[in-house]
Protein backbone atom coordinates (compact mmCIF):
# COMPACT_ATOMS: atom_id res chain seq x y z
CA MET A 1 -15.41 -28.02 -6.48
CA VAL A 2 -16.67 -24.57 -7.43
CA ALA A 3 -20.38 -25.94 -7.40
CA GLN A 4 -19.71 -27.40 -3.86
CA LEU A 5 -18.36 -24.21 -2.65
CA LEU A 6 -21.26 -22.40 -4.14
CA ARG A 7 -23.85 -24.68 -2.39
CA LEU A 8 -21.89 -24.10 0.88
CA ARG A 9 -22.07 -20.50 0.47
CA ALA A 10 -25.86 -20.57 -0.17
CA ASP A 11 -26.30 -22.96 2.76
CA LEU A 12 -24.34 -20.36 4.92
CA LEU A 13 -26.44 -17.60 3.95
CA ALA A 14 -29.62 -19.51 4.61
CA GLY A 15 -28.08 -20.57 8.00
CA ASP A 16 -27.70 -16.78 9.03
CA VAL A 17 -31.38 -16.26 8.03
CA ARG A 18 -32.48 -19.29 9.96
CA GLY A 19 -30.71 -18.39 13.25
CA THR A 20 -32.05 -16.79 16.41
CA ALA A 21 -34.76 -14.40 15.97
CA ARG A 22 -32.58 -11.59 16.78
CA ARG A 23 -29.95 -12.71 14.47
CA SER A 24 -32.45 -13.38 11.53
CA VAL A 25 -34.00 -9.89 12.11
CA ALA A 26 -30.62 -8.32 11.85
CA VAL A 27 -29.42 -10.13 8.91
CA VAL A 28 -32.68 -9.68 6.92
CA LEU A 29 -32.82 -5.78 7.71
CA GLY A 30 -29.12 -5.43 7.22
CA SER A 31 -29.38 -7.09 3.72
CA LEU A 32 -32.45 -4.90 2.71
CA VAL A 33 -30.76 -1.66 3.86
CA GLY A 34 -27.82 -2.73 1.87
CA LEU A 35 -29.72 -3.50 -1.34
CA LEU A 36 -32.01 -0.46 -0.89
CA ALA A 37 -28.66 1.72 -0.71
CA ALA A 38 -27.47 0.14 -3.78
CA VAL A 39 -30.88 0.55 -5.73
CA PHE A 40 -30.77 4.27 -4.66
CA VAL A 41 -27.41 4.92 -5.69
CA ALA A 42 -28.11 3.11 -9.09
CA THR A 43 -31.33 5.15 -9.62
CA GLN A 44 -29.35 8.47 -9.15
CA THR A 45 -26.63 7.25 -11.42
CA VAL A 46 -29.03 6.17 -14.33
CA ALA A 47 -30.67 9.59 -13.80
CA LEU A 48 -27.18 11.14 -15.01
CA ARG A 49 -27.43 9.61 -18.40
CA SER A 50 -28.26 13.00 -20.04
CA ALA A 51 -26.20 15.16 -17.91
CA ASP A 52 -22.66 16.51 -18.93
CA PRO A 53 -19.79 13.89 -19.01
CA ASP A 54 -17.96 16.00 -16.32
CA VAL A 55 -21.01 15.95 -13.83
CA VAL A 56 -21.50 12.02 -14.14
CA ARG A 57 -17.64 12.02 -13.76
CA ALA A 58 -17.74 13.98 -10.68
CA VAL A 59 -20.41 11.55 -9.14
CA VAL A 60 -19.68 7.93 -10.25
CA VAL A 61 -15.84 8.15 -9.73
CA PRO A 62 -15.90 9.29 -5.99
CA VAL A 63 -18.85 6.99 -5.23
CA GLY A 64 -17.46 4.14 -6.68
CA ALA A 65 -14.08 4.61 -4.97
CA LEU A 66 -15.81 5.14 -1.63
CA VAL A 67 -17.80 1.72 -2.17
CA ALA A 68 -14.56 -0.13 -3.15
CA PHE A 69 -12.77 1.32 -0.06
CA GLY A 70 -15.58 -0.05 2.16
CA PHE A 71 -14.76 -3.40 0.69
CA THR A 72 -11.02 -2.76 2.18
CA VAL A 73 -11.99 -1.55 5.56
CA VAL A 74 -15.04 -3.57 6.69
CA PRO A 75 -13.19 -7.08 5.95
CA LEU A 76 -10.29 -5.99 7.88
CA VAL A 77 -12.37 -5.58 11.09
CA VAL A 78 -14.52 -8.43 10.76
CA GLY A 79 -12.29 -10.86 9.19
CA ARG A 80 -11.95 -13.21 12.18
CA SER A 81 -15.65 -14.28 11.59
CA ASP A 82 -14.99 -14.99 7.79
CA GLN A 83 -16.74 -18.36 6.98
CA LEU A 84 -14.76 -18.62 3.72
CA ASP A 85 -11.28 -18.29 5.25
CA PRO A 86 -8.94 -20.78 3.36
CA ARG A 87 -7.80 -22.02 6.60
CA ARG A 88 -10.98 -23.77 7.41
CA PHE A 89 -10.50 -25.96 4.23
CA THR A 90 -6.90 -27.05 5.01
CA VAL A 91 -7.86 -30.47 6.38
CA PHE A 92 -9.85 -31.51 3.31
CA GLY A 93 -6.79 -31.72 0.89
CA ILE A 94 -8.32 -29.44 -1.70
CA GLU A 95 -5.78 -28.46 -4.54
CA ARG A 96 -4.65 -24.85 -4.32
CA ARG A 97 -5.99 -23.62 -7.59
CA ARG A 98 -9.46 -25.00 -7.24
CA LEU A 99 -9.59 -23.69 -3.59
CA ALA A 100 -8.48 -20.28 -4.65
CA VAL A 101 -10.92 -20.08 -7.51
CA GLY A 102 -13.86 -21.58 -5.68
CA LEU A 103 -13.65 -19.32 -2.73
CA VAL A 104 -13.43 -16.36 -4.86
CA VAL A 105 -16.50 -17.35 -6.91
CA ALA A 106 -18.43 -18.41 -3.90
CA GLY A 107 -17.53 -15.00 -2.41
CA LEU A 108 -19.57 -13.39 -5.25
CA VAL A 109 -22.63 -14.69 -3.85
CA GLY A 110 -23.76 -12.09 -1.18
CA VAL A 111 -25.46 -8.79 -0.77
CA PRO A 112 -22.36 -6.59 -0.87
CA VAL A 113 -20.81 -7.78 -4.08
CA LEU A 114 -24.49 -7.73 -5.73
CA GLY A 115 -24.72 -4.25 -4.41
CA VAL A 116 -21.57 -3.32 -6.18
CA ALA A 117 -22.92 -5.17 -9.41
CA ILE A 118 -26.17 -3.08 -9.44
CA ILE A 119 -24.23 0.25 -9.24
CA ALA A 120 -21.69 -1.13 -11.86
CA VAL A 121 -24.69 -1.94 -14.34
CA ALA A 122 -26.13 1.60 -13.47
CA GLN A 123 -23.01 3.21 -14.44
CA VAL A 124 -22.98 1.42 -17.82
CA VAL A 125 -26.53 2.82 -18.34
CA ALA A 126 -25.18 6.41 -17.48
CA TRP A 127 -22.19 5.96 -19.82
CA SER A 128 -24.37 4.62 -22.90
CA ARG A 129 -23.71 7.50 -25.20
CA GLY A 130 -22.03 5.32 -27.99
CA PRO A 131 -20.77 1.79 -28.40
CA GLY A 132 -17.12 2.71 -27.52
CA LEU A 133 -18.14 4.36 -24.05
CA VAL A 134 -20.49 1.18 -23.39
CA VAL A 135 -17.71 -1.25 -23.93
CA LEU A 136 -15.55 0.72 -21.75
CA ALA A 137 -17.93 1.06 -19.09
CA VAL A 138 -18.91 -2.59 -19.17
CA LEU A 139 -15.18 -3.26 -18.87
CA GLY A 140 -14.77 -0.81 -16.13
CA GLY A 141 -17.63 -2.35 -14.27
CA VAL A 142 -16.50 -5.90 -14.56
CA ILE A 143 -12.94 -4.90 -13.11
CA ALA A 144 -14.60 -2.90 -10.24
CA VAL A 145 -16.78 -5.92 -9.22
CA ALA A 146 -13.68 -8.21 -9.65
CA THR A 147 -11.68 -5.70 -7.59
CA CYS A 148 -14.27 -5.51 -4.78
CA ALA A 149 -14.71 -9.28 -4.81
CA LEU A 150 -10.89 -9.79 -4.53
CA LEU A 151 -10.69 -7.25 -1.86
CA VAL A 152 -13.04 -9.16 0.24
CA ARG A 153 -11.21 -12.33 0.20
CA VAL A 154 -7.74 -10.86 0.64
CA CYS A 155 -8.70 -8.45 3.50
CA CYS A 156 -10.81 -10.90 5.39
CA THR A 157 -8.04 -13.28 5.31
CA VAL A 158 -5.48 -10.72 6.44
CA GLY A 159 -8.05 -9.53 8.94
CA SER A 160 -8.37 -13.04 10.33
CA ARG A 161 -4.91 -13.37 10.98
CA LEU A 162 -4.37 -10.14 12.54
CA ILE A 163 -7.39 -10.36 14.91
CA GLY A 164 -7.94 -13.95 15.14
CA PRO A 165 -7.64 -15.88 18.35
CA ASP A 166 -4.04 -16.81 17.88
CA ARG A 167 -3.07 -13.19 17.51
CA SER A 168 -2.70 -10.32 19.85
CA ARG A 169 -6.03 -8.57 20.29
CA ASP A 170 -4.03 -5.32 20.13
CA ALA A 171 -3.43 -5.86 16.48
CA GLY A 172 -7.09 -5.55 15.87
CA TRP A 173 -7.15 -2.40 17.65
CA LEU A 174 -4.20 -1.23 15.62
CA VAL A 175 -6.17 -2.02 12.49
CA ALA A 176 -9.22 0.24 13.85
CA LEU A 177 -6.57 2.80 14.58
CA VAL A 178 -5.38 2.83 11.03
CA ILE A 179 -8.89 2.93 9.85
CA LEU A 180 -9.79 5.99 12.17
CA ALA A 181 -6.78 7.92 11.07
CA LEU A 182 -7.51 7.30 7.43
CA SER A 183 -11.12 8.36 7.98
CA VAL A 184 -10.04 11.73 9.48
CA PRO A 185 -9.09 13.44 6.29
CA ALA A 186 -11.91 11.68 4.46
CA VAL A 187 -14.55 13.10 6.87
CA SER A 188 -12.89 16.60 6.71
CA LEU A 189 -13.00 16.52 2.88
CA LEU A 190 -16.70 15.50 2.89
CA LEU A 191 -17.31 18.45 5.07
CA ARG A 192 -15.37 20.74 2.88
CA VAL A 193 -16.66 19.61 -0.48
CA ASP A 194 -19.96 20.91 -1.83
CA TRP A 195 -21.62 17.73 -2.87
CA ILE A 196 -24.76 19.56 -4.24
CA ASP A 197 -22.59 21.01 -7.01
CA PRO A 198 -21.11 18.25 -9.12
CA GLU A 199 -20.04 20.84 -11.65
CA GLY A 200 -17.89 22.54 -9.20
CA ALA A 201 -13.98 22.71 -9.21
CA GLU A 202 -14.11 20.70 -5.71
CA MET A 203 -15.87 17.72 -7.04
CA GLN A 204 -13.72 17.58 -10.25
CA ARG A 205 -10.75 17.81 -8.14
CA VAL A 206 -12.05 14.93 -5.89
CA ALA A 207 -12.90 12.94 -9.14
CA ASP A 208 -9.34 13.49 -10.23
CA VAL A 209 -7.78 12.28 -7.15
CA ALA A 210 -10.05 9.23 -6.59
CA GLY A 211 -9.38 8.10 -10.34
CA TRP A 212 -5.77 7.52 -9.56
CA THR A 213 -6.55 5.46 -6.58
CA PRO A 214 -6.73 1.58 -6.59
CA TRP A 215 -10.38 1.85 -5.43
CA GLY A 216 -11.26 4.48 -8.19
CA ALA A 217 -9.41 3.66 -11.28
CA ALA A 218 -11.71 1.14 -12.71
CA TRP A 219 -14.80 3.65 -12.23
CA ALA A 220 -12.92 6.33 -13.94
CA VAL A 221 -11.92 4.54 -17.08
CA PRO A 222 -15.15 5.61 -19.09
CA ALA A 223 -15.22 8.84 -17.37
CA GLU A 224 -12.03 10.07 -18.76
CA VAL A 225 -12.81 8.95 -22.23
CA ALA A 226 -16.16 10.74 -22.25
CA SER A 227 -14.66 13.91 -20.67
CA GLY A 228 -12.19 13.97 -23.73
CA ASP A 229 -8.87 12.62 -22.11
CA PRO A 230 -8.59 9.04 -23.81
CA GLY A 231 -4.89 8.90 -22.68
CA ALA A 232 -5.90 9.27 -18.94
CA GLY A 233 -8.73 6.64 -19.44
CA VAL A 234 -5.88 4.22 -21.00
CA LEU A 235 -3.54 4.99 -17.91
CA LYS A 236 -6.33 4.27 -15.48
CA LEU A 237 -7.33 1.11 -17.18
CA LEU A 238 -3.78 -0.28 -16.66
CA VAL A 239 -3.82 0.82 -13.02
CA ALA A 240 -7.06 -1.01 -12.78
CA LEU A 241 -5.95 -4.08 -14.33
CA VAL A 242 -2.76 -3.97 -12.17
CA VAL A 243 -4.55 -3.70 -9.06
CA VAL A 244 -6.55 -6.86 -10.06
CA ALA A 245 -3.37 -8.79 -10.79
CA LEU A 246 -1.76 -7.76 -7.47
CA LEU A 247 -4.85 -8.68 -5.44
CA ALA A 248 -5.14 -11.96 -7.43
CA TRP A 249 -1.45 -12.69 -6.80
CA ALA A 250 -1.79 -11.85 -2.98
CA TRP A 251 -4.99 -14.24 -2.67
CA TRP A 252 -3.07 -17.01 -4.36
CA ALA A 253 -0.16 -16.52 -1.96
CA LEU A 254 -2.41 -16.40 1.02
CA VAL A 255 -4.24 -19.45 0.02
CA GLY A 256 -1.10 -21.17 -0.61
CA ARG A 257 0.26 -20.28 2.98
CA ALA A 258 -3.00 -21.47 4.49
CA LEU A 259 -2.49 -24.85 2.99
CA GLU A 260 1.11 -25.29 3.70
CA THR A 261 1.83 -23.60 7.14
CA VAL A 262 0.49 -23.84 10.57
CA ASP A 263 -0.17 -20.68 12.38
CA ASP A 264 -0.99 -21.86 16.04
CA ARG A 265 2.61 -22.90 16.93
CA ALA A 266 3.67 -21.58 20.23
CA ARG A 267 6.26 -18.64 19.88
CA THR A 268 8.67 -17.74 22.96
CA ARG A 269 10.89 -15.19 23.38
CA ARG A 270 14.38 -15.34 25.26
CA TYR A 271 15.72 -12.32 26.76
CA GLN A 272 19.44 -11.98 28.05
CA GLY A 273 20.44 -9.40 30.63
CA LEU A 274 18.25 -6.56 31.78
CA GLY A 275 17.83 -4.74 28.33
CA TRP A 276 17.90 -0.85 28.59
CA PHE A 277 18.68 -1.01 32.31
CA ASP A 278 22.11 -2.56 31.59
CA ARG A 279 22.80 0.17 28.84
CA PHE A 280 21.58 3.15 30.74
CA GLY A 281 23.17 2.57 34.37
CA SER A 282 21.71 2.53 37.86
CA ALA A 283 21.52 6.23 38.36
CA PRO A 284 18.00 7.42 39.22
CA VAL A 285 17.41 9.47 36.01
CA SER A 286 19.01 6.39 34.01
CA ALA A 287 16.82 3.83 35.68
CA VAL A 288 13.60 5.88 35.25
CA ALA A 289 14.55 6.36 31.58
CA ALA A 290 15.35 2.68 30.99
CA ARG A 291 12.01 1.74 32.47
CA ALA A 292 10.15 4.42 30.28
CA LEU A 293 11.91 3.37 27.20
CA THR A 294 10.79 -0.17 27.87
CA TYR A 295 7.51 0.90 28.31
CA TRP A 296 7.38 2.94 25.11
CA LEU A 297 8.77 0.06 23.18
CA ARG A 298 6.72 -3.00 24.64
CA ASP A 299 3.51 -1.49 26.28
CA PRO A 300 0.84 -1.89 23.33
CA ARG A 301 -1.00 1.36 25.24
CA TYR A 302 2.31 3.32 24.37
CA ARG A 303 2.51 1.98 20.97
CA THR A 304 -0.90 2.69 19.99
CA SER A 305 -0.25 6.42 21.29
CA TYR A 306 3.01 6.96 19.29
CA LEU A 307 1.40 5.17 16.13
CA ILE A 308 -1.06 8.18 15.87
CA ILE A 309 1.86 10.40 14.94
CA LEU A 310 2.69 8.27 11.84
CA PHE A 311 -0.60 9.21 10.21
CA VAL A 312 -0.43 12.86 10.99
CA PRO A 313 0.73 13.57 7.52
CA LEU A 314 -2.73 12.56 6.09
CA VAL A 315 -4.11 15.79 7.20
CA VAL A 316 -2.28 17.23 4.02
CA LEU A 317 -4.84 15.22 1.90
CA PRO A 318 -7.85 17.44 2.58
CA LEU A 319 -5.93 20.52 2.30
CA GLY A 320 -4.41 19.76 -1.00
CA VAL A 321 -7.87 18.67 -2.40
CA ALA A 322 -9.49 21.53 -1.05
CA GLY A 323 -7.17 23.90 -3.21
CA VAL A 324 -4.18 24.78 -0.73
CA PRO A 325 -1.10 24.59 -2.96
CA TRP A 326 0.68 21.15 -2.21
CA GLN A 327 4.12 23.14 -1.57
CA TRP A 328 2.47 24.79 1.56
CA THR A 329 0.94 21.65 2.84
CA ALA A 330 4.57 20.34 3.30
CA LEU A 331 4.91 22.77 6.32
CA VAL A 332 1.99 21.36 8.26
CA PRO A 333 2.78 17.74 9.37
CA LEU A 334 6.04 18.17 11.44
CA PRO A 335 4.76 20.75 13.76
CA LEU A 336 1.60 18.71 14.57
CA MET A 337 3.72 15.54 15.04
CA ALA A 338 5.90 17.58 17.30
CA LEU A 339 2.81 18.78 19.33
CA ILE A 340 1.32 15.41 19.67
CA ALA A 341 4.65 13.96 20.94
CA GLY A 342 4.85 16.39 23.42
CA PHE A 343 1.45 16.08 24.52
CA LEU A 344 1.42 12.22 24.89
CA PRO A 345 3.21 11.93 28.34
CA HIS A 346 0.96 14.14 29.93
CA ASN A 347 -0.71 11.21 31.91
CA ASP A 348 2.06 8.82 32.00
CA VAL A 349 2.01 8.33 35.87
CA SER A 350 -1.40 6.82 35.44
CA TYR A 351 -0.06 4.42 32.95
CA ASP A 352 2.10 2.98 35.56
CA ASN A 353 -0.89 2.01 37.46
CA THR A 354 0.08 0.69 40.85
CA ALA A 355 3.67 0.19 39.98
CA VAL A 356 4.12 3.94 40.29
CA TRP A 357 4.69 2.86 44.07
CA LEU A 358 8.33 2.04 42.95
CA HIS A 359 9.04 5.54 42.15
CA VAL A 360 7.52 6.86 45.26
CA ALA A 361 9.00 4.20 47.66
CA SER A 362 12.59 4.40 46.18
CA GLY A 363 13.15 7.82 47.78
CA ALA A 364 14.75 9.27 44.46
CA PRO A 365 14.23 12.88 44.05
CA GLY A 366 11.20 13.91 42.24
CA TRP A 367 13.01 15.76 39.27
CA SER A 368 14.77 12.55 38.46
CA ASP A 369 11.54 10.67 37.78
CA ARG A 370 10.30 13.54 35.68
CA LEU A 371 13.56 14.04 33.49
CA GLY A 372 13.83 10.16 33.19
CA ARG A 373 10.37 9.98 31.66
CA VAL A 374 11.01 12.52 29.03
CA VAL A 375 14.26 11.15 27.74
CA PRO A 376 12.76 8.40 25.42
CA VAL A 377 10.73 11.12 23.61
CA LEU A 378 13.80 13.53 23.57
CA VAL A 379 15.87 10.66 22.13
CA VAL A 380 13.77 9.84 19.37
CA GLY A 381 12.01 13.23 19.03
CA ILE A 382 15.04 15.53 18.16
CA PRO A 383 16.65 13.46 15.51
CA ALA A 384 13.21 13.05 14.01
CA ILE A 385 12.59 16.79 13.90
CA VAL A 386 15.94 17.26 12.07
CA ALA A 387 15.21 14.72 9.60
CA GLY A 388 11.60 15.80 9.16
CA ALA A 389 12.41 19.39 8.74
CA ALA A 390 15.00 18.58 6.10
CA LEU A 391 12.36 16.30 4.15
CA SER A 392 9.67 19.01 4.58
CA ALA A 393 12.07 21.96 3.35
CA ARG A 394 12.87 19.62 0.53
CA LEU A 395 9.15 19.21 -0.49
CA PHE A 396 8.57 22.87 0.26
CA GLY A 397 11.22 23.86 -2.42
CA ASP A 398 13.01 26.55 -0.23
CA TRP A 399 15.31 25.82 2.46
CA THR A 400 14.38 28.90 4.35
CA ALA A 401 11.72 26.73 5.76
CA PHE A 402 14.29 24.19 7.33
CA PRO A 403 15.29 26.47 10.41
CA VAL A 404 11.63 27.70 10.53
CA LEU A 405 10.37 24.02 11.19
CA ILE A 406 13.24 23.29 13.54
CA GLY A 407 12.37 26.22 15.62
CA VAL A 408 8.56 25.77 15.75
CA SER A 409 8.81 22.01 16.04
CA ALA A 410 11.49 21.82 18.75
CA GLY A 411 9.55 24.58 20.86
CA ALA A 412 6.27 22.37 20.60
CA LEU A 413 8.08 19.28 21.57
CA LEU A 414 10.13 20.81 24.41
CA SER A 415 7.25 22.88 25.88
CA GLY A 416 4.75 19.94 25.48
CA LEU A 417 7.41 17.70 27.47
CA GLY A 418 7.90 20.49 30.15
CA LEU A 419 4.01 20.78 30.66
CA SER A 420 3.52 17.04 30.73
CA SER A 421 5.90 16.91 33.59
CA VAL A 422 3.69 19.02 35.63
CA VAL A 423 0.18 17.97 34.25
CA SER A 424 1.01 14.27 34.69
CA VAL A 425 1.61 14.87 38.64
CA LEU A 426 -1.12 17.59 39.15
CA LEU A 427 -3.96 16.28 37.12
CA PRO A 428 -3.73 12.42 36.63
CA TYR A 429 -6.73 10.79 35.63
CA PRO A 430 -7.89 7.18 35.12
CA THR A 431 -6.50 5.59 31.99
CA VAL A 432 -6.33 2.36 30.22
CA ARG A 433 -5.09 -0.56 32.70
CA PRO A 434 -2.16 -2.79 31.85
CA GLY A 435 -3.34 -5.63 29.72
CA ASP A 436 -6.47 -3.92 28.40
CA HIS A 437 -6.70 -2.91 24.84
CA PRO A 438 -5.78 0.73 24.00
CA PHE A 439 -9.16 2.10 23.46
CA GLN A 440 -11.02 0.85 26.71
CA GLN A 441 -11.05 4.15 28.57
CA PRO A 442 -12.61 4.12 31.84
CA GLN A 443 -15.73 6.26 32.39
CA ALA A 444 -14.21 7.92 35.51
CA ALA A 445 -11.79 10.06 33.54
CA GLY A 446 -14.69 12.68 33.22
CA VAL A 447 -13.85 16.43 33.66
CA THR A 448 -10.19 15.95 35.05
CA ALA A 449 -9.40 14.30 31.59
CA THR A 450 -10.94 16.75 29.54
CA PHE A 451 -9.42 19.79 31.68
CA ALA A 452 -5.74 18.21 31.59
CA GLN A 453 -5.86 17.60 27.96
CA THR A 454 -7.21 21.05 27.19
CA VAL A 455 -4.66 22.78 29.36
CA MET A 456 -1.97 20.64 27.58
CA VAL A 457 -3.09 21.70 24.06
CA ILE A 458 -3.56 25.17 24.86
CA GLY A 459 -0.40 25.63 26.71
CA ILE A 460 1.78 24.05 23.91
CA VAL A 461 0.21 26.26 21.28
CA LEU A 462 0.62 29.39 23.60
CA CYS A 463 4.24 28.86 24.07
CA THR A 464 4.82 28.01 20.22
CA VAL A 465 2.91 31.19 19.11
CA PRO A 466 6.24 33.42 19.20
CA ALA A 467 8.25 31.05 17.03
CA VAL A 468 5.15 30.42 14.52
CA TRP A 469 5.14 34.13 14.30
CA LEU A 470 8.73 34.53 13.55
CA GLY A 471 8.65 31.71 11.17
CA VAL A 472 5.66 33.38 9.21
CA LEU A 473 7.96 36.50 8.98
CA ALA A 474 10.98 34.48 7.65
CA LEU A 475 8.80 32.86 4.92
CA ALA A 476 7.35 36.33 4.02
CA ARG A 477 10.22 38.58 4.21
CA GLY A 478 13.22 36.53 3.82
CA PRO A 479 15.57 34.43 6.18
CA GLU A 480 17.46 37.31 7.67
CA PRO A 481 17.39 37.72 10.71
CA TRP A 482 13.89 35.96 11.27
CA SER A 483 15.06 32.38 10.58
CA VAL A 484 17.85 32.53 13.50
CA LEU A 485 15.24 34.16 15.65
CA THR A 486 12.75 31.42 15.06
CA ILE A 487 15.15 28.80 16.21
CA VAL A 488 16.54 30.90 19.11
CA VAL A 489 13.10 31.84 20.38
CA GLY A 490 11.41 28.21 19.46
CA VAL A 491 14.35 26.25 21.26
CA GLY A 492 14.74 28.87 23.92
CA ILE A 493 11.11 29.02 25.10
CA GLY A 494 10.89 25.20 24.94
CA LEU A 495 14.13 24.75 26.86
CA VAL A 496 12.80 27.04 29.65
CA VAL A 497 9.59 25.43 29.89
CA LEU A 498 11.15 21.96 29.97
CA VAL A 499 13.55 22.92 32.81
CA VAL A 500 10.81 24.72 34.70
CA GLY A 501 8.32 21.71 34.20
CA VAL A 502 10.89 19.15 35.20
CA PHE A 503 11.81 20.85 38.54
CA ALA A 504 8.27 22.02 39.25
CA GLY A 505 6.93 18.61 38.49
CA GLY A 506 9.53 16.99 40.58
CA ARG A 507 8.66 19.13 43.62
CA LEU A 508 4.93 18.05 43.09
CA PHE A 509 5.98 14.55 42.85
CA ASP A 510 7.87 14.62 46.05
CA ARG A 511 5.03 16.25 47.86
CA ARG A 512 2.18 14.24 46.10
CA GLY A 513 3.27 10.72 46.29
CA PRO A 514 0.59 9.31 48.49
CA ASP A 515 -2.00 11.15 46.17
CA LEU A 516 -0.41 9.60 43.03
CA LEU A 517 -0.73 6.13 44.62
CA ALA A 518 -4.41 6.85 45.71
CA ALA A 519 -5.17 7.97 42.18
CA ALA A 520 -3.45 4.83 40.44
CA GLN A 521 -5.61 2.67 42.59
CA ARG A 522 -8.80 4.31 40.98
CA ASN A 523 -7.56 3.44 37.53
């Protein structure tokens, strides 16, 4: 069976080359670029054979971790076109063990895994400074190749199920969102670190962090021993072996599921009653709040927006790696999350598209529309701020930070919602249409979108500056009386901006109803 799958893999690769002229050129050029990149990295790695072990460690471990991370990200996105998806073989009655092993072995045939193997051989040469190191380097290289091969299989299968034709296309864009969110701290780290000086403390710190990740543990095994820390080398070897074991188990489970289940069964949902409309009542504010909450829970465009908030804590990674004490990084995520939460509804009228006529034609006062739309964010945001402030203060190690975070974060959230109540009526701009994927922005957004977003960010920051300044004084000089003042000023300014924004936005909504309908038609 393994031999047959290997021949199938070779035929598939040959078929890619024998396709249309454009496809053949793309495949050949892509393969050559990949191989040349791998050879270039390998030659640079081999040139480090006589360098100091810390220098080699600072180069090999981050590069190896980055390569392995690529084997996680790319298959998740392109998994729907995987030619070795186990579901394609379910009709042939192949035994589970033979299919699982055969597909992994067949997956080794290809330019990506070959490139990893070239780099793995190069790092063996770089660590050839004694029999023991050579053995560890060979072991680490084998584990690294096995990890990448299993990552391709597991992530391709998961990607094909997330983004396949029987799944919502929004899941594919959610994967892209996750990848984008994870890449932000990585890019900032790359810009912060001086890659020309592998002897610097920055690169050593990067190697330390990368060596404990699932992607870099195998590459770090010989590096730690060569640097004089065999205990860390043994621990990272255990981490690398556990990663391979978990990936093998995941692959085994995925193959079993593919052979035993049918994924294209029709699914239907049954709803009883009117959902949030039954719970909130029929008053204008309640009805708008129920409609807004339904949108936030069910509309993929809203889900994509607020899921961004979940990845905000990742901003602490480049700060910590760059040398900022981890204790202080605990104070960063919550205010940023509150700022984003207040920023999100700044164009919610355009999200309604033509359905905004319901709000205009109902004759309800505009302030009820403005207030009802911010209710879902307040209901979720206020408890989240309290819980987040408690967790951040715990991580910070000083409960003086708790009232400071409450004041700053509540001020940012309330001010953002107040400004959004005005901006969404005064500066609506075309946005994603209902049913489109969340990243399909119309080109007509133009200057209005940029101006509206800029006004929102600057406005929230200006409204939050007093609370931030008082919070700094509380942390620097002691809690009395600055902590109480931070809460009073932050929440006070936020409430004032929210109330003024709701009533001012309501007045604008009453006067600009026809204009809003015309703007919705341009979406």
